[in-house]
Amino acid sequence: MKTAARTSEMLTIKEVCAELRISRRTFYEWRAKGRAPRCISLPNRALLVRRSELDGWLGAREGAA
């Protein structure tokens, strides 16, 4: 069961890439093609991904594997 803190957790692109075991370049290629999880763009141009978004994105790909 997920806790509220874990579901609302915000991940950096570095953390997302580490979890998915992909390079930043791959992440940004997926993003350019519309295949990456949705990101939140901050005013300083940094990107964050909600934990719930990443979990949902991964779940949607389970059947495709």
C-alpha atoms as a PDB file:
ATOM      1  CA  MET A   1       0.000   0.000   0.000  1.00  0.00           C
ATOM      2  CA  LYS A   2       1.326   3.433  -0.918  1.00  0.00           C
ATOM      3  CA  THR A   3       1.595   6.146   1.675  1.00  0.00           C
ATOM      4  CA  ALA A   4       0.510   9.705   0.950  1.00  0.00           C
ATOM      5  CA  ALA A   5       4.119  10.906   1.187  1.00  0.00           C
ATOM      6  CA  ARG A   6       5.301   8.355  -1.383  1.00  0.00           C
ATOM      7  CA  THR A   7       2.477   9.140  -3.833  1.00  0.00           C
ATOM      8  CA  SER A   8       3.069  12.880  -3.682  1.00  0.00           C
ATOM      9  CA  GLU A   9       6.848  12.450  -3.885  1.00  0.00           C
ATOM     10  CA  MET A  10       8.559  14.460  -6.602  1.00  0.00           C
ATOM     11  CA  LEU A  11      11.457  12.875  -8.473  1.00  0.00           C
ATOM     12  CA  THR A  12      14.246  14.587 -10.362  1.00  0.00           C
ATOM     13  CA  ILE A  13      15.118  13.435 -13.862  1.00  0.00           C
ATOM     14  CA  LYS A  14      18.327  11.958 -12.428  1.00  0.00           C
ATOM     15  CA  GLU A  15      16.270   9.853  -9.994  1.00  0.00           C
ATOM     16  CA  VAL A  16      13.832   8.751 -12.718  1.00  0.00           C
ATOM     17  CA  CYS A  17      16.692   7.738 -15.004  1.00  0.00           C
ATOM     18  CA  ALA A  18      18.382   5.795 -12.209  1.00  0.00           C
ATOM     19  CA  GLU A  19      15.154   3.953 -11.390  1.00  0.00           C
ATOM     20  CA  LEU A  20      14.488   3.108 -15.045  1.00  0.00           C
ATOM     21  CA  ARG A  21      18.181   2.370 -15.667  1.00  0.00           C
ATOM     22  CA  ILE A  22      18.304   4.649 -18.693  1.00  0.00           C
ATOM     23  CA  SER A  23      20.499   7.588 -19.653  1.00  0.00           C
ATOM     24  CA  ARG A  24      19.352  11.198 -19.481  1.00  0.00           C
ATOM     25  CA  ARG A  25      19.692  11.279 -23.252  1.00  0.00           C
ATOM     26  CA  THR A  26      17.233   8.390 -23.599  1.00  0.00           C
ATOM     27  CA  PHE A  27      14.801  10.113 -21.235  1.00  0.00           C
ATOM     28  CA  TYR A  28      14.893  13.335 -23.251  1.00  0.00           C
ATOM     29  CA  GLU A  29      14.503  11.392 -26.516  1.00  0.00           C
ATOM     30  CA  TRP A  30      11.420   9.666 -25.091  1.00  0.00           C
ATOM     31  CA  ARG A  31      10.149  13.052 -23.901  1.00  0.00           C
ATOM     32  CA  ALA A  32      10.599  14.597 -27.367  1.00  0.00           C
ATOM     33  CA  LYS A  33       8.610  11.685 -28.846  1.00  0.00           C
ATOM     34  CA  GLY A  34       5.861  11.948 -26.209  1.00  0.00           C
ATOM     35  CA  ARG A  35       6.764   8.562 -24.684  1.00  0.00           C
ATOM     36  CA  ALA A  36       8.116   9.659 -21.282  1.00  0.00           C
ATOM     37  CA  PRO A  37       6.085  10.148 -18.114  1.00  0.00           C
ATOM     38  CA  ARG A  38       4.520  13.596 -17.745  1.00  0.00           C
ATOM     39  CA  CYS A  39       6.830  16.158 -16.194  1.00  0.00           C
ATOM     40  CA  ILE A  40       6.362  19.328 -14.204  1.00  0.00           C
ATOM     41  CA  SER A  41       8.423  22.196 -15.559  1.00  0.00           C
ATOM     42  CA  LEU A  42       9.716  24.623 -12.934  1.00  0.00           C
ATOM     43  CA  PRO A  43      10.507  28.302 -13.622  1.00  0.00           C
ATOM     44  CA  ASN A  44      14.247  27.506 -13.538  1.00  0.00           C
ATOM     45  CA  ARG A  45      13.605  25.012 -16.387  1.00  0.00           C
ATOM     46  CA  ALA A  46      14.201  22.005 -14.137  1.00  0.00           C
ATOM     47  CA  LEU A  47      11.851  19.061 -14.587  1.00  0.00           C
ATOM     48  CA  LEU A  48      10.224  16.939 -11.908  1.00  0.00           C
ATOM     49  CA  VAL A  49       8.094  13.811 -12.178  1.00  0.00           C
ATOM     50  CA  ARG A  50       5.445  12.889  -9.619  1.00  0.00           C
ATOM     51  CA  ARG A  51       5.949   9.400  -8.143  1.00  0.00           C
ATOM     52  CA  SER A  52       2.311   8.602  -8.914  1.00  0.00           C
ATOM     53  CA  GLU A  53       2.835   9.637 -12.558  1.00  0.00           C
ATOM     54  CA  LEU A  54       5.889   7.394 -12.925  1.00  0.00           C
ATOM     55  CA  ASP A  55       4.120   4.461 -11.255  1.00  0.00           C
ATOM     56  CA  GLY A  56       1.084   4.882 -13.525  1.00  0.00           C
ATOM     57  CA  TRP A  57       3.295   5.218 -16.600  1.00  0.00           C
ATOM     58  CA  LEU A  58       5.134   1.998 -15.692  1.00  0.00           C
ATOM     59  CA  GLY A  59       1.861   0.189 -14.962  1.00  0.00           C
ATOM     60  CA  ALA A  60       0.489   1.092 -18.381  1.00  0.00           C
ATOM     61  CA  ARG A  61       3.510  -0.581 -19.965  1.00  0.00           C
ATOM     62  CA  GLU A  62       3.327  -3.866 -18.046  1.00  0.00           C
ATOM     63  CA  GLY A  63       0.992  -5.522 -20.535  1.00  0.00           C
ATOM     64  CA  ALA A  64       3.053  -4.387 -23.527  1.00  0.00           C
ATOM     65  CA  ALA A  65       6.184  -6.245 -22.370  1.00  0.00           C
END
